[in-house]
C-alpha cells in the first residue's frame, strides 16, 4: 500500500509534454499554420469606353509624306514604321477619332491579404484596408485594367492589319500614344460596381494532399483604414470546428521580445515560379519588437523588424508561446517609394479586443485547437502513440483540418516502421512497473521462504 501511494504521487507530479509554454519557430509554425487564412476582396464592374477609329485620310497623308522622303529607297521598312509611330504619338488627336459607339469591357480587380481565425465557428480577424478601399482608388484601378486590355487588343489589331510584329520599343511608344488618346479624347464610365469578400484556407483531402477552400464572408464589424483603427472582423460558414489562434493578454509586449509573423506576401504568392497549389501555404518571418510607438490617433503601435510585404497585411504577429500579440498592418516607405526593410508596424491585440467585445465575440480556445496543440506536443517528443490518438480525435471532429492526415500518416509510419519511441513519462512508468513487479516477486518469494522455514 505504501509503495502504491508513492508510485501514484510520483505519476501525478510528472509534467505533461504538451504543456511547455515556449515554442520553437518550428513548433510555432506547426501550431498556428492551420488557422492562418488568405483574404481576397474582389471588385467587379462593367467599364464602358468610347470606341475609336483611325482617321484614314490623315493616316494616308502621313504614309504619302514618308514615301516622298524616300526618293532613293534608302529608308528601311523598320525605319518607316518608327517614323509613323513617332508621328502618331506626337499628334494622336490628328489620327484617332471618337465614335458614338461604346465598348463594354467587364473587369475584375482583386486585393489580397492575410487574416486568421479567432474562433472555431468561423470568425476571422484582418485589416480594414483589405476590404474597404477608397472609391477613387477603385475607379483608377478599373480604368487602368481596362486601358491595358483595350490597348493590347488595339496593338494586336494594328499588327494584323499592317502584317508586322512591333518591337518592345515600338509597343511602348504605342502604349504612350493610347494613354494620351484615352486620357484626352475618350471617356470611361463605370457601371455595376460590386464587392465580394472571400476567406481562403487550406483543407485536408487525404493522401497528404490539400485543397483550397474559398468562402464568401460577411463583415461583422470594422474600423477605419490607417490612420484609423485598421481592424475588421469577418464571418464565414464553416462545416466543422476550425483551427484558431489564441490571443495574448492585452498588455503591450516588451521591446526586444522575439516574434513570429505569418502572412501571404505578394512577391511570393504571385511568383511565376511558385506553384498555384502552394500559394495557400502561409509564409513565416521572424524578428524582434523594435519599439512601442503611438499612432497619430494616440493609440499604441508595435514596431518590428520582421520582413513583410504587400499581402502580409492582416496576418497575425505571435509571441514565443504562439499567442497573437498584434496584426501586421503597414510598413515604412523609402524615398524611392519602396518599402523600407525591417521598419514595419502592427496593431496590438488590445485594439482587436475592442472590436471583438463590441461584436460580442468571445475568442475562447476551441476544443479542437487544444487537442491539436496537445497532439503536437507528443509528436515533437516522439511519443507517436499518444500523438496518433489525439490526431485521430482531431480528424474525427474535423476531417478537413489542415494537415491532419499528414500527421496521422507520419505517426502510423513511425509506430509501424521503427516502433514507438518512448517519452520520459512512458519510460518512468515502465521503470516503476518493473520495480513494482520485482518487489512483488521478491515479496512472494520471501513469504514462501518464511512459511517453509517456519515448518
Protein backbone atom coordinates (compact mmCIF):
# COMPACT_ATOMS: atom_id res chain seq x y z
CA UNK A 1 0.00 0.00 0.00
CA UNK A 2 2.77 2.40 0.88
CA UNK A 3 4.59 1.65 -2.41
CA UNK A 4 1.38 2.20 -4.40
CA UNK A 5 0.84 5.61 -2.78
CA UNK A 6 4.38 6.74 -3.56
CA UNK A 7 4.01 5.45 -7.13
CA UNK A 8 0.73 7.37 -7.64
CA UNK A 9 2.08 10.62 -6.19
CA UNK A 10 5.12 10.38 -8.43
CA UNK A 11 2.91 9.99 -11.52
CA UNK A 12 0.76 12.98 -10.54
CA UNK A 13 3.87 15.16 -10.19
CA UNK A 14 5.16 14.33 -13.66
CA UNK A 15 4.74 17.22 -16.16
CA UNK A 16 2.94 16.77 -19.50
CA UNK A 17 4.99 17.32 -22.65
CA UNK A 18 2.09 19.23 -24.21
CA UNK A 19 2.20 21.95 -21.51
CA UNK A 20 5.57 23.50 -22.32
CA UNK A 21 4.73 27.24 -22.61
CA UNK A 22 7.56 28.14 -25.01
CA UNK A 23 7.65 27.14 -28.66
CA UNK A 24 10.45 26.97 -31.18
CA UNK A 25 9.92 28.55 -34.60
CA UNK A 26 9.10 25.06 -35.93
CA UNK A 27 6.57 24.45 -33.17
CA UNK A 28 5.08 27.92 -33.56
CA UNK A 29 4.51 27.38 -37.27
CA UNK A 30 3.09 23.88 -36.81
CA UNK A 31 0.61 25.14 -34.21
CA UNK A 32 -0.59 28.31 -35.96
CA UNK A 33 -0.28 27.47 -39.64
CA UNK A 34 -3.73 25.77 -39.86
CA UNK A 35 -5.53 28.87 -38.58
CA UNK A 36 -3.91 31.45 -40.91
CA UNK A 37 -6.08 32.38 -43.91
CA UNK A 38 -5.90 34.48 -47.05
CA UNK A 39 -8.31 37.38 -47.54
CA UNK A 40 -9.42 38.22 -51.10
CA UNK A 41 -11.59 41.23 -51.91
CA UNK A 42 -12.87 41.07 -55.48
CA UNK A 43 -14.39 44.07 -57.22
CA UNK A 44 -16.26 43.62 -60.49
CA UNK A 45 -17.65 46.27 -62.83
CA UNK A 46 -18.57 46.97 -66.43
CA UNK A 47 -16.34 49.63 -67.99
CA UNK A 48 -17.85 51.44 -70.98
CA UNK A 49 -15.27 53.04 -73.27
CA UNK A 50 -15.74 55.22 -76.33
CA UNK A 51 -14.90 53.23 -79.43
CA UNK A 52 -12.18 54.89 -81.50
CA UNK A 53 -11.24 54.69 -85.14
CA UNK A 54 -8.27 55.84 -87.14
CA UNK A 55 -8.71 58.81 -89.47
CA UNK A 56 -7.90 57.12 -92.77
CA UNK A 57 -7.36 60.36 -94.63
CA UNK A 58 -4.84 61.72 -92.14
CA UNK A 59 -3.09 58.35 -91.93
CA UNK A 60 -2.79 58.02 -95.71
CA UNK A 61 -1.38 61.56 -95.93
CA UNK A 62 1.21 60.54 -93.33
CA UNK A 63 2.23 57.48 -95.35
CA UNK A 64 2.48 59.61 -98.54
CA UNK A 65 4.70 62.17 -96.84
CA UNK A 66 7.06 59.46 -95.61
CA UNK A 67 7.12 57.88 -99.06
CA UNK A 68 8.12 61.21 -100.62
CA UNK A 69 11.07 61.39 -98.24
CA UNK A 70 12.39 58.12 -99.62
CA UNK A 71 13.21 59.04 -103.21
CA UNK A 72 16.31 56.87 -103.42
CA UNK A 73 14.87 53.90 -101.49
CA UNK A 74 17.45 54.18 -98.71
CA UNK A 75 14.94 54.15 -95.83
CA UNK A 76 14.38 50.68 -94.39
CA UNK A 77 10.80 49.45 -93.68
CA UNK A 78 11.58 49.32 -89.93
CA UNK A 79 12.65 52.96 -90.04
CA UNK A 80 9.44 53.95 -91.85
CA UNK A 81 7.40 52.18 -89.17
CA UNK A 82 9.28 54.07 -86.44
CA UNK A 83 8.56 57.35 -88.23
CA UNK A 84 4.83 56.51 -88.46
CA UNK A 85 4.58 55.59 -84.78
CA UNK A 86 6.51 58.64 -83.60
CA UNK A 87 4.28 60.96 -85.63
CA UNK A 88 1.13 59.28 -84.32
CA UNK A 89 2.46 59.60 -80.77
CA UNK A 90 3.27 63.30 -81.13
CA UNK A 91 -0.18 64.24 -82.52
CA UNK A 92 -2.65 61.47 -81.57
CA UNK A 93 -5.70 63.74 -81.86
CA UNK A 94 -4.98 64.08 -85.60
CA UNK A 95 -5.01 60.36 -86.33
CA UNK A 96 -7.59 58.97 -83.86
CA UNK A 97 -11.25 59.95 -83.81
CA UNK A 98 -14.04 59.19 -81.37
CA UNK A 99 -17.27 57.49 -82.39
CA UNK A 100 -20.71 57.37 -80.82
CA UNK A 101 -20.27 53.67 -80.08
CA UNK A 102 -19.18 52.29 -76.72
CA UNK A 103 -17.22 49.16 -75.92
CA UNK A 104 -18.46 47.23 -72.87
CA UNK A 105 -15.48 45.79 -71.02
CA UNK A 106 -16.23 43.53 -67.98
CA UNK A 107 -13.39 43.93 -65.48
CA UNK A 108 -12.33 42.48 -62.14
CA UNK A 109 -9.66 43.68 -59.73
CA UNK A 110 -8.54 41.83 -56.62
CA UNK A 111 -6.95 42.97 -53.36
CA UNK A 112 -5.42 40.16 -51.29
CA UNK A 113 -4.00 39.99 -47.82
CA UNK A 114 -3.92 37.87 -44.69
CA UNK A 115 -6.03 37.05 -41.66
CA UNK A 116 -6.66 34.33 -39.07
CA UNK A 117 -9.46 32.50 -37.29
CA UNK A 118 -10.21 33.97 -33.84
CA UNK A 119 -12.94 31.42 -33.05
CA UNK A 120 -13.63 27.85 -34.07
CA UNK A 121 -17.02 28.75 -35.59
CA UNK A 122 -15.71 30.93 -38.41
CA UNK A 123 -14.90 34.44 -37.14
CA UNK A 124 -11.81 35.88 -38.84
CA UNK A 125 -9.67 38.91 -37.95
CA UNK A 126 -7.91 41.02 -40.58
CA UNK A 127 -7.16 44.63 -41.56
CA UNK A 128 -9.93 47.00 -42.59
CA UNK A 129 -7.96 48.41 -45.53
CA UNK A 130 -8.08 45.00 -47.25
CA UNK A 131 -11.86 45.14 -47.58
CA UNK A 132 -12.55 48.89 -47.70
CA UNK A 133 -10.77 50.78 -50.48
CA UNK A 134 -11.21 54.41 -51.46
CA UNK A 135 -13.72 54.89 -54.31
CA UNK A 136 -11.25 56.93 -56.39
CA UNK A 137 -8.64 54.17 -55.99
CA UNK A 138 -11.11 51.53 -57.19
CA UNK A 139 -12.10 53.67 -60.19
CA UNK A 140 -8.46 54.27 -61.09
CA UNK A 141 -7.65 50.57 -60.92
CA UNK A 142 -10.60 49.65 -63.12
CA UNK A 143 -9.65 52.26 -65.71
CA UNK A 144 -6.02 51.13 -65.74
CA UNK A 145 -7.04 47.50 -66.15
CA UNK A 146 -9.46 48.33 -68.96
CA UNK A 147 -6.87 50.54 -70.64
CA UNK A 148 -4.27 47.75 -70.62
CA UNK A 149 -6.65 45.23 -72.14
CA UNK A 150 -8.02 47.60 -74.79
CA UNK A 151 -4.51 48.79 -75.67
CA UNK A 152 -3.30 45.19 -76.07
CA UNK A 153 -6.23 44.45 -78.36
CA UNK A 154 -5.61 47.62 -80.39
CA UNK A 155 -1.91 46.89 -80.81
CA UNK A 156 -2.68 43.31 -81.89
CA UNK A 157 -5.21 44.64 -84.42
CA UNK A 158 -2.60 47.03 -85.85
CA UNK A 159 -0.06 44.19 -86.15
CA UNK A 160 -2.59 42.11 -88.07
CA UNK A 161 -3.65 45.00 -90.32
CA UNK A 162 -0.07 46.02 -91.10
CA UNK A 163 1.25 42.43 -91.25
CA UNK A 164 4.12 43.18 -88.87
CA UNK A 165 5.42 42.50 -85.36
CA UNK A 166 6.23 45.51 -83.22
CA UNK A 167 9.42 45.63 -81.17
CA UNK A 168 9.22 46.27 -77.41
CA UNK A 169 10.25 49.87 -78.02
CA UNK A 170 7.51 50.29 -80.63
CA UNK A 171 4.91 48.71 -78.37
CA UNK A 172 5.92 51.06 -75.57
CA UNK A 173 5.53 54.02 -77.92
CA UNK A 174 2.05 52.80 -78.89
CA UNK A 175 1.09 52.38 -75.23
CA UNK A 176 2.03 56.01 -74.62
CA UNK A 177 0.02 57.02 -77.68
CA UNK A 178 -3.10 55.22 -76.50
CA UNK A 179 -2.65 56.60 -72.99
CA UNK A 180 -2.68 60.10 -74.43
CA UNK A 181 -5.69 59.29 -76.62
CA UNK A 182 -7.80 57.81 -73.81
CA UNK A 183 -6.91 60.48 -71.28
CA UNK A 184 -7.63 63.42 -73.63
CA UNK A 185 -10.23 62.27 -76.15
CA UNK A 186 -12.17 59.32 -74.77
CA UNK A 187 -14.28 58.75 -71.70
CA UNK A 188 -14.52 55.67 -69.49
CA UNK A 189 -17.66 55.07 -67.43
CA UNK A 190 -18.09 52.50 -64.63
CA UNK A 191 -21.36 50.67 -64.04
CA UNK A 192 -22.48 47.90 -61.68
CA UNK A 193 -19.52 48.05 -59.30
CA UNK A 194 -19.80 45.13 -56.85
CA UNK A 195 -17.63 43.88 -53.99
CA UNK A 196 -17.28 40.35 -52.66
CA UNK A 197 -15.02 39.40 -49.75
CA UNK A 198 -13.68 35.86 -49.51
CA UNK A 199 -11.76 33.90 -46.89
CA UNK A 200 -9.46 31.32 -48.47
CA UNK A 201 -7.97 28.48 -46.41
CA UNK A 202 -6.40 25.03 -46.69
CA UNK A 203 -8.50 21.89 -46.40
CA UNK A 204 -7.06 18.41 -45.95
CA UNK A 205 -8.27 15.92 -48.55
CA UNK A 206 -6.24 12.90 -47.52
CA UNK A 207 -3.22 11.25 -49.14
CA UNK A 208 -1.09 14.17 -47.97
CA UNK A 209 -2.89 16.45 -50.43
CA UNK A 210 -4.62 19.69 -49.57
CA UNK A 211 -7.35 21.59 -51.34
CA UNK A 212 -8.13 25.29 -51.27
CA UNK A 213 -11.50 26.38 -49.92
CA UNK A 214 -12.87 29.81 -50.84
CA UNK A 215 -15.80 31.02 -48.71
CA UNK A 216 -17.87 34.17 -49.12
CA UNK A 217 -17.56 36.31 -45.99
CA UNK A 218 -19.72 38.98 -44.41
CA UNK A 219 -18.41 41.94 -42.45
CA UNK A 220 -19.37 41.76 -38.78
CA UNK A 221 -17.65 44.92 -37.58
CA UNK A 222 -14.88 47.13 -38.92
CA UNK A 223 -12.85 50.18 -38.05
CA UNK A 224 -11.18 52.57 -40.48
CA UNK A 225 -8.03 52.14 -42.58
CA UNK A 226 -4.93 53.83 -41.17
CA UNK A 227 -4.67 56.33 -39.57
CA UNK A 228 -7.85 54.83 -38.08
CA UNK A 229 -8.03 51.59 -36.12
CA UNK A 230 -7.36 49.26 -39.03
CA UNK A 231 -9.33 46.20 -37.86
CA UNK A 232 -12.12 44.16 -39.45
CA UNK A 233 -13.94 41.06 -38.22
CA UNK A 234 -15.42 38.74 -40.86
CA UNK A 235 -17.67 35.70 -40.57
CA UNK A 236 -17.90 32.65 -42.82
CA UNK A 237 -19.99 29.49 -42.65
CA UNK A 238 -17.81 26.52 -41.69
CA UNK A 239 -18.60 22.78 -41.91
CA UNK A 240 -16.91 21.90 -38.60
CA UNK A 241 -14.92 23.43 -35.78
CA UNK A 242 -11.94 25.26 -37.26
CA UNK A 243 -8.36 25.77 -36.05
CA UNK A 244 -7.92 29.12 -34.36
CA UNK A 245 -5.11 31.21 -32.94
CA UNK A 246 -5.02 32.11 -29.26
CA UNK A 247 -4.93 35.81 -28.38
CA UNK A 248 -2.34 37.06 -25.88
CA UNK A 249 -3.36 39.19 -22.89
CA UNK A 250 -4.00 42.84 -23.80
CA UNK A 251 -0.79 44.12 -22.17
CA UNK A 252 1.76 45.53 -24.60
CA UNK A 253 4.78 43.27 -25.24
CA UNK A 254 8.30 44.27 -24.30
CA UNK A 255 10.87 45.75 -26.67
CA UNK A 256 13.37 43.08 -27.71
CA UNK A 257 10.84 40.27 -27.42
CA UNK A 258 11.04 37.66 -30.19
CA UNK A 259 8.08 37.43 -32.54
CA UNK A 260 6.73 35.37 -35.45
CA UNK A 261 4.81 36.94 -38.33
CA UNK A 262 2.50 35.00 -40.65
CA UNK A 263 1.05 36.10 -43.97
CA UNK A 264 0.87 35.92 -47.74
CA UNK A 265 3.40 38.42 -49.14
CA UNK A 266 2.58 39.31 -52.74
CA UNK A 267 6.06 38.67 -54.20
CA UNK A 268 5.72 35.02 -53.06
CA UNK A 269 2.02 34.48 -53.70
CA UNK A 270 2.25 35.96 -57.22
CA UNK A 271 5.63 34.50 -58.12
CA UNK A 272 5.51 32.79 -61.54
CA UNK A 273 7.91 30.10 -60.37
CA UNK A 274 5.84 29.07 -57.31
CA UNK A 275 3.06 26.56 -57.92
CA UNK A 276 -0.51 27.75 -57.54
CA UNK A 277 -1.31 24.92 -55.10
CA UNK A 278 1.31 26.06 -52.61
CA UNK A 279 0.18 29.70 -52.71
CA UNK A 280 -2.14 28.99 -49.76
CA UNK A 281 0.81 27.97 -47.54
CA UNK A 282 1.48 30.95 -45.23
CA UNK A 283 4.93 32.47 -45.05
CA UNK A 284 6.67 32.83 -41.67
CA UNK A 285 9.14 35.61 -40.93
CA UNK A 286 10.78 36.24 -37.58
CA UNK A 287 12.20 39.24 -35.79
CA UNK A 288 12.01 41.24 -32.60
CA UNK A 289 9.91 44.09 -31.29
CA UNK A 290 11.95 47.19 -32.13
CA UNK A 291 9.87 49.79 -30.29
CA UNK A 292 6.42 50.67 -28.99
CA UNK A 293 5.16 53.77 -30.79
CA UNK A 294 1.94 55.78 -30.83
CA UNK A 295 -0.28 56.36 -33.83
CA UNK A 296 -1.40 59.86 -34.77
CA UNK A 297 -4.71 58.89 -33.12
CA UNK A 298 -2.92 58.31 -29.81
CA UNK A 299 -3.26 54.54 -29.56
CA UNK A 300 -0.22 52.21 -29.44
CA UNK A 301 1.58 50.57 -32.34
CA UNK A 302 4.12 47.73 -32.29
CA UNK A 303 7.23 48.41 -34.38
CA UNK A 304 9.06 45.29 -35.53
CA UNK A 305 11.98 44.35 -37.77
CA UNK A 306 10.39 41.19 -39.26
CA UNK A 307 10.18 41.44 -43.05
CA UNK A 308 6.73 41.98 -44.55
CA UNK A 309 5.43 42.99 -47.97
CA UNK A 310 2.19 43.80 -49.75
CA UNK A 311 -0.14 40.90 -48.98
CA UNK A 312 1.15 40.45 -45.42
CA UNK A 313 -1.38 42.95 -44.05
CA UNK A 314 -3.84 41.47 -41.58
CA UNK A 315 -1.64 38.50 -40.70
CA UNK A 316 -1.05 37.51 -37.06
CA UNK A 317 2.06 38.56 -35.14
CA UNK A 318 2.74 35.91 -32.48
CA UNK A 319 4.96 35.64 -29.41
CA UNK A 320 7.08 32.64 -28.44
CA UNK A 321 4.06 30.98 -26.81
CA UNK A 322 2.21 31.02 -30.12
CA UNK A 323 -0.21 33.72 -28.92
CA UNK A 324 -1.28 36.61 -31.15
CA UNK A 325 0.07 39.95 -29.92
CA UNK A 326 -0.99 42.01 -32.97
CA UNK A 327 -1.89 42.23 -36.65
CA UNK A 328 0.60 43.24 -39.36
CA UNK A 329 -0.75 46.49 -40.80
CA UNK A 330 1.70 48.83 -42.55
CA UNK A 331 5.34 49.44 -43.34
CA UNK A 332 7.57 52.46 -43.89
CA UNK A 333 8.41 53.90 -47.29
CA UNK A 334 11.86 54.71 -48.62
CA UNK A 335 12.46 57.96 -50.54
CA UNK A 336 12.27 55.86 -53.71
CA UNK A 337 8.70 54.80 -52.85
CA UNK A 338 9.53 51.19 -51.98
CA UNK A 339 9.00 49.54 -48.59
CA UNK A 340 11.82 50.10 -46.12
CA UNK A 341 13.11 46.75 -44.89
CA UNK A 342 12.68 45.99 -41.19
CA UNK A 343 10.65 49.10 -40.28
CA UNK A 344 7.15 47.69 -40.03
CA UNK A 345 4.18 48.10 -37.71
CA UNK A 346 1.42 46.00 -36.19
CA UNK A 347 -1.82 46.97 -34.50
CA UNK A 348 -1.72 45.48 -30.96
CA UNK A 349 -4.19 42.81 -29.87
CA UNK A 350 -5.79 45.26 -27.41
CA UNK A 351 -7.30 47.12 -30.41
CA UNK A 352 -8.61 43.83 -31.81
CA UNK A 353 -10.14 43.09 -28.40
CA UNK A 354 -12.17 46.31 -28.64
CA UNK A 355 -13.87 45.15 -31.84
CA UNK A 356 -14.39 41.61 -30.61
CA UNK A 357 -16.04 42.97 -27.47
CA UNK A 358 -18.25 45.36 -29.47
CA UNK A 359 -19.45 42.41 -31.60
CA UNK A 360 -19.98 40.15 -28.58
CA UNK A 361 -17.39 37.64 -29.81
CA UNK A 362 -15.53 35.63 -27.17
CA UNK A 363 -12.35 34.05 -28.62
CA UNK A 364 -12.15 31.10 -26.21
CA UNK A 365 -9.70 28.44 -27.49
CA UNK A 366 -11.71 25.75 -29.24
CA UNK A 367 -11.62 22.12 -28.13
CA UNK A 368 -10.17 21.03 -31.47
CA UNK A 369 -7.35 23.59 -31.22
CA UNK A 370 -6.43 22.38 -27.71
CA UNK A 371 -6.46 18.77 -28.88
CA UNK A 372 -4.23 19.60 -31.82
CA UNK A 373 -1.79 21.51 -29.58
CA UNK A 374 -1.55 18.55 -27.18
CA UNK A 375 -1.05 16.17 -30.11
CA UNK A 376 1.78 18.34 -31.44
CA UNK A 377 3.45 18.24 -28.03
CA UNK A 378 3.50 14.45 -28.04
CA UNK A 379 4.54 14.41 -31.71
CA UNK A 380 7.55 16.68 -31.06
CA UNK A 381 8.52 14.46 -28.11
CA UNK A 382 8.40 11.39 -30.43
CA UNK A 383 5.57 9.88 -28.40
CA UNK A 384 3.78 8.77 -31.53
CA UNK A 385 1.13 6.53 -29.96
CA UNK A 386 -0.15 9.33 -27.75
CA UNK A 387 0.09 11.80 -30.63
CA UNK A 388 -1.75 9.44 -33.01
CA UNK A 389 -4.61 9.01 -30.55
CA UNK A 390 -5.13 12.79 -30.31
CA UNK A 391 -4.61 13.47 -34.03
CA UNK A 392 -7.28 10.87 -34.82
CA UNK A 393 -9.68 12.62 -32.43
CA UNK A 394 -8.99 15.90 -34.26
CA UNK A 395 -9.66 14.15 -37.58
CA UNK A 396 -12.99 12.82 -36.31
CA UNK A 397 -14.06 16.31 -35.20
CA UNK A 398 -12.96 17.92 -38.48
CA UNK A 399 -11.82 15.54 -41.27
CA UNK A 400 -10.64 18.56 -43.30
CA UNK A 401 -8.42 20.00 -40.56
CA UNK A 402 -5.38 21.31 -42.48
CA UNK A 403 -2.51 18.82 -42.40
CA UNK A 404 -4.20 16.32 -40.10
CA UNK A 405 -3.89 13.33 -42.45
CA UNK A 406 -0.19 14.00 -42.88
CA UNK A 407 0.35 13.87 -39.10
CA UNK A 408 -1.72 10.68 -38.79
CA UNK A 409 0.27 9.03 -41.59
CA UNK A 410 3.59 10.12 -40.05
CA UNK A 411 2.67 8.74 -36.63
CA UNK A 412 1.46 5.46 -38.12
CA UNK A 413 4.66 5.07 -40.13
CA UNK A 414 6.84 5.76 -37.09
CA UNK A 415 4.92 3.24 -34.97
CA UNK A 416 4.83 0.52 -37.64
CA UNK A 417 8.30 1.07 -39.05
CA UNK A 418 10.55 1.79 -36.12
CA UNK A 419 8.45 1.14 -33.09
CA UNK A 420 7.23 3.96 -30.93
CA UNK A 421 9.92 5.98 -29.23
CA UNK A 422 9.04 6.15 -25.58
CA UNK A 423 8.89 9.54 -23.95
CA UNK A 424 10.03 10.31 -20.37
CA UNK A 425 6.63 9.55 -18.86
CA UNK A 426 6.38 6.15 -20.53
CA UNK A 427 9.95 5.29 -19.58
CA UNK A 428 9.29 6.15 -15.91
CA UNK A 429 6.09 4.14 -15.97
CA UNK A 430 7.94 1.10 -17.27
CA UNK A 431 10.67 1.54 -14.66
CA UNK A 432 8.10 1.84 -11.84
CA UNK A 433 6.14 -1.17 -13.13
CA UNK A 434 9.35 -3.22 -13.37
CA UNK A 435 10.37 -2.21 -9.84
CA UNK A 436 6.86 -2.98 -8.58
CA UNK A 437 6.84 -6.40 -10.22
CA UNK A 438 10.34 -7.08 -8.88
CA UNK A 439 9.31 -6.11 -5.34
CA UNK A 440 6.15 -8.20 -5.63
CA UNK A 441 8.18 -11.21 -6.82
CA UNK A 442 10.67 -10.77 -4.01
CA UNK A 443 7.81 -10.39 -1.54
CA UNK A 444 6.10 -13.56 -2.79
CA UNK A 445 9.38 -15.47 -2.61
CA UNK A 446 10.01 -14.20 0.93
CA UNK A 447 6.54 -15.26 2.09
CA UNK A 448 7.01 -18.75 0.67
CA UNK A 449 10.52 -18.94 2.20
CA UNK A 450 9.27 -17.90 5.64
CA UNK A 451 6.45 -20.44 5.52
CA UNK A 452 8.90 -23.21 4.52
CA UNK A 453 11.42 -22.14 7.23
CA UNK A 454 8.76 -21.99 9.94
CA UNK A 455 7.70 -25.54 9.16
